[in-house]
Amino acid sequence: MLVIVFIPALSGLLAQSDITPIVSSALKKGDAETLSSFFTPSVELTVMGKEGVFQEDEARKILGQFFKENTPQSFTVKHQGTSKLDDQFRIGDLTTQKGVFRVTYFMKKSNNAFQIKQLKIEPAG
C-alpha cells in the first residue's frame, strides 16, 4: 500500500522538474498567463522589437499582446540541451496565422523546479 501512495507523489515531482510539455502547450495555445507562471521574478524577454528585463506581470502583458496579434497554430521543440552555465534550453518553431517564429528559452533550476529566465520570440529566418 505504501508503494502505491509514493508512486503518484514521485511522478508529480518528476513532472515538475521538466516544464517543457507545459511551456510547449502554453506557446501552442497562446496562453501568456500559464507561460508567465514559470518566469523568474524578472525575465529577459525579446519579443518583436521589445527587448529588456521585465517583471513577470509586464512580460505577461507583452506576450499577451504578441499572441493577440499572432494567433498561434502550433509549437514544436526542434533542439534542446544544457548551456555552459548549466541552464536548460529549448529552441522551437511557433507557427502562427502571420508566419513562423523561432522561440528560444533558457531555464534555471530553483527549489527543485525549473523557471524560465530568458525568452526570445523572433521571426524565423
N, C-alpha and C. Protein backbone atom coordinates (compact mmCIF):
# COMPACT_ATOMS: atom_id res chain seq x y z
N MET A 1 0.82 -1.21 0.00
CA MET A 1 0.00 0.00 0.00
C MET A 1 0.86 1.26 0.00
N LEU A 2 1.95 1.26 0.73
CA LEU A 2 2.83 2.42 0.75
C LEU A 2 3.42 2.73 -0.60
N VAL A 3 3.75 1.71 -1.37
CA VAL A 3 4.32 1.91 -2.70
C VAL A 3 3.33 2.65 -3.59
N ILE A 4 2.08 2.31 -3.50
CA ILE A 4 1.05 2.97 -4.31
C ILE A 4 0.94 4.45 -3.95
N VAL A 5 1.08 4.77 -2.68
CA VAL A 5 1.00 6.15 -2.23
C VAL A 5 2.19 6.97 -2.73
N PHE A 6 3.39 6.38 -2.69
CA PHE A 6 4.59 7.12 -3.07
C PHE A 6 4.77 7.28 -4.57
N ILE A 7 4.28 6.35 -5.35
CA ILE A 7 4.44 6.44 -6.80
C ILE A 7 3.77 7.69 -7.38
N PRO A 8 2.51 7.99 -7.05
CA PRO A 8 1.93 9.23 -7.57
C PRO A 8 2.69 10.47 -7.08
N ALA A 9 3.16 10.47 -5.86
CA ALA A 9 3.91 11.61 -5.34
C ALA A 9 5.20 11.78 -6.10
N LEU A 10 5.89 10.69 -6.39
CA LEU A 10 7.15 10.75 -7.13
C LEU A 10 6.91 11.22 -8.56
N SER A 11 5.86 10.73 -9.20
CA SER A 11 5.59 11.15 -10.58
C SER A 11 5.24 12.64 -10.62
N GLY A 12 4.60 13.16 -9.57
CA GLY A 12 4.33 14.59 -9.51
C GLY A 12 5.60 15.41 -9.43
N LEU A 13 6.57 14.93 -8.66
CA LEU A 13 7.85 15.64 -8.57
C LEU A 13 8.60 15.61 -9.89
N LEU A 14 8.58 14.47 -10.56
CA LEU A 14 9.26 14.37 -11.85
C LEU A 14 8.61 15.27 -12.88
N ALA A 15 7.30 15.37 -12.84
CA ALA A 15 6.60 16.21 -13.80
C ALA A 15 6.97 17.68 -13.62
N GLN A 16 7.21 18.09 -12.37
CA GLN A 16 7.56 19.49 -12.11
C GLN A 16 8.97 19.82 -12.58
N SER A 17 9.84 18.82 -12.64
CA SER A 17 11.22 19.12 -12.99
C SER A 17 11.39 19.46 -14.47
N ASP A 18 10.56 18.89 -15.35
CA ASP A 18 10.63 19.23 -16.76
C ASP A 18 9.35 19.95 -17.16
N ILE A 19 9.47 21.25 -17.34
CA ILE A 19 8.29 22.06 -17.66
C ILE A 19 8.07 22.17 -19.16
N THR A 20 8.92 21.53 -19.96
CA THR A 20 8.83 21.65 -21.42
C THR A 20 7.44 21.33 -21.97
N PRO A 21 6.79 20.24 -21.57
CA PRO A 21 5.46 19.97 -22.13
C PRO A 21 4.43 21.06 -21.81
N ILE A 22 4.50 21.60 -20.61
CA ILE A 22 3.55 22.65 -20.21
C ILE A 22 3.84 23.95 -20.97
N VAL A 23 5.12 24.30 -21.07
CA VAL A 23 5.52 25.51 -21.80
C VAL A 23 5.16 25.38 -23.28
N SER A 24 5.41 24.20 -23.85
CA SER A 24 5.07 23.97 -25.26
C SER A 24 3.57 24.12 -25.49
N SER A 25 2.77 23.58 -24.60
CA SER A 25 1.32 23.70 -24.70
C SER A 25 0.88 25.15 -24.58
N ALA A 26 1.47 25.90 -23.65
CA ALA A 26 1.12 27.31 -23.47
C ALA A 26 1.48 28.12 -24.73
N LEU A 27 2.63 27.84 -25.32
CA LEU A 27 3.01 28.53 -26.55
C LEU A 27 2.04 28.19 -27.68
N LYS A 28 1.70 26.94 -27.80
CA LYS A 28 0.79 26.47 -28.85
C LYS A 28 -0.59 27.12 -28.72
N LYS A 29 -1.03 27.33 -27.48
CA LYS A 29 -2.36 27.90 -27.22
C LYS A 29 -2.34 29.43 -27.14
N GLY A 30 -1.13 30.02 -27.10
CA GLY A 30 -1.05 31.46 -26.90
C GLY A 30 -1.47 31.85 -25.50
N ASP A 31 -1.13 31.04 -24.52
CA ASP A 31 -1.53 31.22 -23.12
C ASP A 31 -0.43 31.95 -22.34
N ALA A 32 -0.46 33.27 -22.39
CA ALA A 32 0.56 34.08 -21.71
C ALA A 32 0.51 33.91 -20.20
N GLU A 33 -0.67 33.66 -19.66
CA GLU A 33 -0.83 33.50 -18.22
C GLU A 33 -0.06 32.28 -17.71
N THR A 34 -0.28 31.14 -18.34
CA THR A 34 0.42 29.92 -17.94
C THR A 34 1.92 30.05 -18.18
N LEU A 35 2.28 30.57 -19.33
CA LEU A 35 3.69 30.73 -19.67
C LEU A 35 4.41 31.60 -18.64
N SER A 36 3.81 32.72 -18.29
CA SER A 36 4.45 33.64 -17.35
C SER A 36 4.52 33.08 -15.94
N SER A 37 3.71 32.10 -15.62
CA SER A 37 3.75 31.49 -14.28
C SER A 37 5.06 30.74 -14.05
N PHE A 38 5.80 30.46 -15.11
CA PHE A 38 7.08 29.77 -15.00
C PHE A 38 8.27 30.72 -15.07
N PHE A 39 8.01 32.03 -15.17
CA PHE A 39 9.09 33.01 -15.25
C PHE A 39 9.76 33.21 -13.89
N THR A 40 11.05 33.53 -13.93
CA THR A 40 11.72 34.02 -12.74
C THR A 40 11.09 35.38 -12.41
N PRO A 41 11.29 35.93 -11.20
CA PRO A 41 10.66 37.21 -10.86
C PRO A 41 10.93 38.32 -11.88
N SER A 42 12.11 38.33 -12.46
CA SER A 42 12.38 39.22 -13.59
C SER A 42 12.97 38.34 -14.70
N VAL A 43 12.47 38.55 -15.91
CA VAL A 43 12.82 37.68 -17.03
C VAL A 43 13.37 38.52 -18.18
N GLU A 44 14.40 38.00 -18.82
CA GLU A 44 14.96 38.65 -20.00
C GLU A 44 14.08 38.26 -21.18
N LEU A 45 13.47 39.26 -21.82
CA LEU A 45 12.47 39.00 -22.84
C LEU A 45 12.81 39.75 -24.12
N THR A 46 12.71 39.05 -25.24
CA THR A 46 12.84 39.66 -26.56
C THR A 46 11.65 39.19 -27.38
N VAL A 47 10.75 40.14 -27.69
CA VAL A 47 9.55 39.81 -28.45
C VAL A 47 9.29 40.93 -29.44
N MET A 48 9.48 40.64 -30.72
CA MET A 48 9.14 41.57 -31.79
C MET A 48 9.57 43.02 -31.52
N GLY A 49 10.83 43.21 -31.28
CA GLY A 49 11.37 44.56 -31.09
C GLY A 49 11.40 45.04 -29.66
N LYS A 50 10.64 44.42 -28.79
CA LYS A 50 10.70 44.77 -27.36
C LYS A 50 11.75 43.87 -26.73
N GLU A 51 12.73 44.51 -26.09
CA GLU A 51 13.82 43.75 -25.51
C GLU A 51 14.21 44.37 -24.18
N GLY A 52 14.39 43.53 -23.19
CA GLY A 52 14.81 44.02 -21.89
C GLY A 52 14.53 43.02 -20.81
N VAL A 53 14.76 43.45 -19.58
CA VAL A 53 14.46 42.64 -18.41
C VAL A 53 13.17 43.19 -17.82
N PHE A 54 12.16 42.33 -17.72
CA PHE A 54 10.83 42.74 -17.30
C PHE A 54 10.39 41.93 -16.08
N GLN A 55 9.56 42.56 -15.25
CA GLN A 55 8.91 41.84 -14.17
C GLN A 55 7.87 40.93 -14.79
N GLU A 56 7.49 39.89 -14.07
CA GLU A 56 6.58 38.87 -14.59
C GLU A 56 5.30 39.47 -15.18
N ASP A 57 4.66 40.41 -14.48
CA ASP A 57 3.39 40.96 -14.97
C ASP A 57 3.56 41.74 -16.27
N GLU A 58 4.63 42.50 -16.41
CA GLU A 58 4.88 43.25 -17.65
C GLU A 58 5.20 42.29 -18.79
N ALA A 59 5.99 41.26 -18.51
CA ALA A 59 6.32 40.26 -19.52
C ALA A 59 5.05 39.54 -20.00
N ARG A 60 4.15 39.24 -19.08
CA ARG A 60 2.88 38.60 -19.43
C ARG A 60 2.07 39.48 -20.38
N LYS A 61 2.04 40.78 -20.12
CA LYS A 61 1.30 41.72 -20.99
C LYS A 61 1.92 41.76 -22.39
N ILE A 62 3.24 41.79 -22.46
CA ILE A 62 3.93 41.82 -23.76
C ILE A 62 3.62 40.55 -24.55
N LEU A 63 3.68 39.41 -23.87
CA LEU A 63 3.36 38.14 -24.54
C LEU A 63 1.90 38.08 -24.96
N GLY A 64 1.02 38.56 -24.09
CA GLY A 64 -0.40 38.57 -24.41
C GLY A 64 -0.68 39.38 -25.67
N GLN A 65 -0.02 40.51 -25.79
CA GLN A 65 -0.19 41.35 -26.98
C GLN A 65 0.36 40.63 -28.22
N PHE A 66 1.53 39.99 -28.08
CA PHE A 66 2.10 39.24 -29.20
C PHE A 66 1.14 38.15 -29.67
N PHE A 67 0.60 37.37 -28.72
CA PHE A 67 -0.32 36.28 -29.08
C PHE A 67 -1.62 36.81 -29.68
N LYS A 68 -2.05 37.98 -29.22
CA LYS A 68 -3.27 38.60 -29.78
C LYS A 68 -3.05 38.97 -31.25
N GLU A 69 -1.85 39.46 -31.55
CA GLU A 69 -1.54 39.89 -32.92
C GLU A 69 -1.07 38.73 -33.81
N ASN A 70 -0.62 37.63 -33.21
CA ASN A 70 -0.08 36.48 -33.93
C ASN A 70 -0.68 35.21 -33.34
N THR A 71 -1.89 34.88 -33.75
CA THR A 71 -2.59 33.74 -33.18
C THR A 71 -1.82 32.44 -33.46
N PRO A 72 -1.36 31.76 -32.38
CA PRO A 72 -0.60 30.52 -32.57
C PRO A 72 -1.43 29.39 -33.15
N GLN A 73 -0.76 28.56 -33.95
CA GLN A 73 -1.39 27.36 -34.51
C GLN A 73 -0.68 26.10 -34.02
N SER A 74 0.66 26.18 -33.85
CA SER A 74 1.40 25.03 -33.35
C SER A 74 2.75 25.48 -32.81
N PHE A 75 3.34 24.63 -31.98
CA PHE A 75 4.69 24.85 -31.48
C PHE A 75 5.39 23.51 -31.41
N THR A 76 6.62 23.46 -31.94
CA THR A 76 7.40 22.24 -31.94
C THR A 76 8.82 22.53 -31.47
N VAL A 77 9.27 21.80 -30.45
CA VAL A 77 10.66 21.91 -29.99
C VAL A 77 11.55 21.22 -31.01
N LYS A 78 12.56 21.95 -31.51
CA LYS A 78 13.49 21.42 -32.51
C LYS A 78 14.82 21.00 -31.90
N HIS A 79 15.26 21.73 -30.87
CA HIS A 79 16.55 21.47 -30.22
C HIS A 79 16.39 21.66 -28.72
N GLN A 80 17.17 20.90 -27.96
CA GLN A 80 17.20 21.09 -26.52
C GLN A 80 18.56 20.67 -25.99
N GLY A 81 18.93 21.23 -24.85
CA GLY A 81 20.21 20.87 -24.28
C GLY A 81 20.51 21.66 -23.03
N THR A 82 21.79 21.66 -22.67
CA THR A 82 22.28 22.34 -21.47
C THR A 82 23.36 23.33 -21.88
N SER A 83 23.26 24.56 -21.37
CA SER A 83 24.24 25.59 -21.69
C SER A 83 25.50 25.42 -20.84
N LYS A 84 26.49 26.23 -21.14
CA LYS A 84 27.74 26.22 -20.36
C LYS A 84 27.50 26.62 -18.91
N LEU A 85 26.44 27.37 -18.66
CA LEU A 85 26.09 27.80 -17.30
C LEU A 85 25.21 26.78 -16.59
N ASP A 86 25.02 25.60 -17.20
CA ASP A 86 24.22 24.51 -16.66
C ASP A 86 22.72 24.83 -16.65
N ASP A 87 22.30 25.76 -17.50
CA ASP A 87 20.88 26.04 -17.69
C ASP A 87 20.37 25.15 -18.82
N GLN A 88 19.12 24.76 -18.73
CA GLN A 88 18.48 24.02 -19.81
C GLN A 88 17.97 25.01 -20.85
N PHE A 89 18.02 24.63 -22.12
CA PHE A 89 17.45 25.49 -23.15
C PHE A 89 16.61 24.66 -24.11
N ARG A 90 15.66 25.34 -24.72
CA ARG A 90 14.82 24.75 -25.75
C ARG A 90 14.73 25.77 -26.90
N ILE A 91 14.77 25.26 -28.12
CA ILE A 91 14.61 26.08 -29.32
C ILE A 91 13.53 25.41 -30.16
N GLY A 92 12.56 26.19 -30.59
CA GLY A 92 11.47 25.60 -31.37
C GLY A 92 10.86 26.58 -32.34
N ASP A 93 9.94 26.06 -33.11
CA ASP A 93 9.22 26.87 -34.09
C ASP A 93 7.77 27.05 -33.65
N LEU A 94 7.36 28.32 -33.61
CA LEU A 94 5.99 28.69 -33.30
C LEU A 94 5.33 29.12 -34.61
N THR A 95 4.37 28.35 -35.06
CA THR A 95 3.65 28.69 -36.28
C THR A 95 2.40 29.46 -35.88
N THR A 96 2.24 30.64 -36.49
CA THR A 96 1.08 31.49 -36.21
C THR A 96 0.36 31.78 -37.53
N GLN A 97 -0.76 32.47 -37.43
CA GLN A 97 -1.50 32.85 -38.63
C GLN A 97 -0.70 33.83 -39.49
N LYS A 98 0.27 34.51 -38.90
CA LYS A 98 1.04 35.50 -39.64
C LYS A 98 2.44 35.02 -40.02
N GLY A 99 2.79 33.78 -39.68
CA GLY A 99 4.11 33.28 -40.05
C GLY A 99 4.73 32.42 -38.96
N VAL A 100 5.98 32.05 -39.19
CA VAL A 100 6.71 31.18 -38.27
C VAL A 100 7.72 32.00 -37.48
N PHE A 101 7.79 31.74 -36.18
CA PHE A 101 8.71 32.44 -35.29
C PHE A 101 9.61 31.42 -34.60
N ARG A 102 10.85 31.80 -34.42
CA ARG A 102 11.81 30.98 -33.67
C ARG A 102 11.69 31.36 -32.20
N VAL A 103 11.45 30.38 -31.35
CA VAL A 103 11.33 30.61 -29.91
C VAL A 103 12.51 29.93 -29.23
N THR A 104 13.21 30.70 -28.40
CA THR A 104 14.32 30.17 -27.61
C THR A 104 14.06 30.54 -26.16
N TYR A 105 14.17 29.56 -25.27
CA TYR A 105 14.05 29.90 -23.85
C TYR A 105 15.05 29.11 -23.03
N PHE A 106 15.56 29.79 -22.00
CA PHE A 106 16.53 29.22 -21.06
C PHE A 106 15.85 29.08 -19.71
N MET A 107 16.09 27.92 -19.08
CA MET A 107 15.50 27.64 -17.77
C MET A 107 16.60 27.37 -16.76
N LYS A 108 16.41 27.90 -15.56
CA LYS A 108 17.32 27.57 -14.46
C LYS A 108 16.53 26.83 -13.40
N LYS A 109 17.25 25.98 -12.69
CA LYS A 109 16.60 25.20 -11.63
C LYS A 109 16.62 26.00 -10.34
N SER A 110 15.46 26.11 -9.72
CA SER A 110 15.32 26.84 -8.47
C SER A 110 14.35 26.07 -7.59
N ASN A 111 14.80 25.68 -6.40
CA ASN A 111 13.95 24.91 -5.47
C ASN A 111 13.37 23.66 -6.14
N ASN A 112 14.22 22.90 -6.81
CA ASN A 112 13.84 21.64 -7.46
C ASN A 112 12.82 21.79 -8.59
N ALA A 113 12.66 22.99 -9.11
CA ALA A 113 11.77 23.21 -10.25
C ALA A 113 12.45 24.17 -11.21
N PHE A 114 12.15 24.02 -12.49
CA PHE A 114 12.74 24.91 -13.47
C PHE A 114 11.88 26.16 -13.63
N GLN A 115 12.57 27.28 -13.86
CA GLN A 115 11.92 28.55 -14.15
C GLN A 115 12.56 29.14 -15.40
N ILE A 116 11.75 29.84 -16.18
CA ILE A 116 12.26 30.47 -17.39
C ILE A 116 12.92 31.78 -17.03
N LYS A 117 14.20 31.93 -17.37
CA LYS A 117 14.91 33.17 -17.06
C LYS A 117 15.10 34.04 -18.31
N GLN A 118 14.95 33.43 -19.50
CA GLN A 118 15.11 34.17 -20.74
C GLN A 118 14.20 33.58 -21.80
N LEU A 119 13.50 34.45 -22.55
CA LEU A 119 12.62 34.01 -23.61
C LEU A 119 12.77 34.95 -24.80
N LYS A 120 12.98 34.36 -25.98
CA LYS A 120 13.08 35.14 -27.21
C LYS A 120 12.08 34.59 -28.22
N ILE A 121 11.34 35.50 -28.84
CA ILE A 121 10.45 35.15 -29.95
C ILE A 121 10.84 36.06 -31.10
N GLU A 122 11.40 35.46 -32.15
CA GLU A 122 11.91 36.23 -33.28
C GLU A 122 11.42 35.60 -34.58
N PRO A 123 11.27 36.41 -35.63
CA PRO A 123 10.87 35.83 -36.92
C PRO A 123 11.88 34.75 -37.35
N ALA A 124 11.37 33.62 -37.81
CA ALA A 124 12.24 32.55 -38.30
C ALA A 124 12.88 33.02 -39.59
N GLY A 125 14.14 32.73 -39.74
CA GLY A 125 14.82 33.23 -40.94
C GLY A 125 15.49 32.16 -41.62
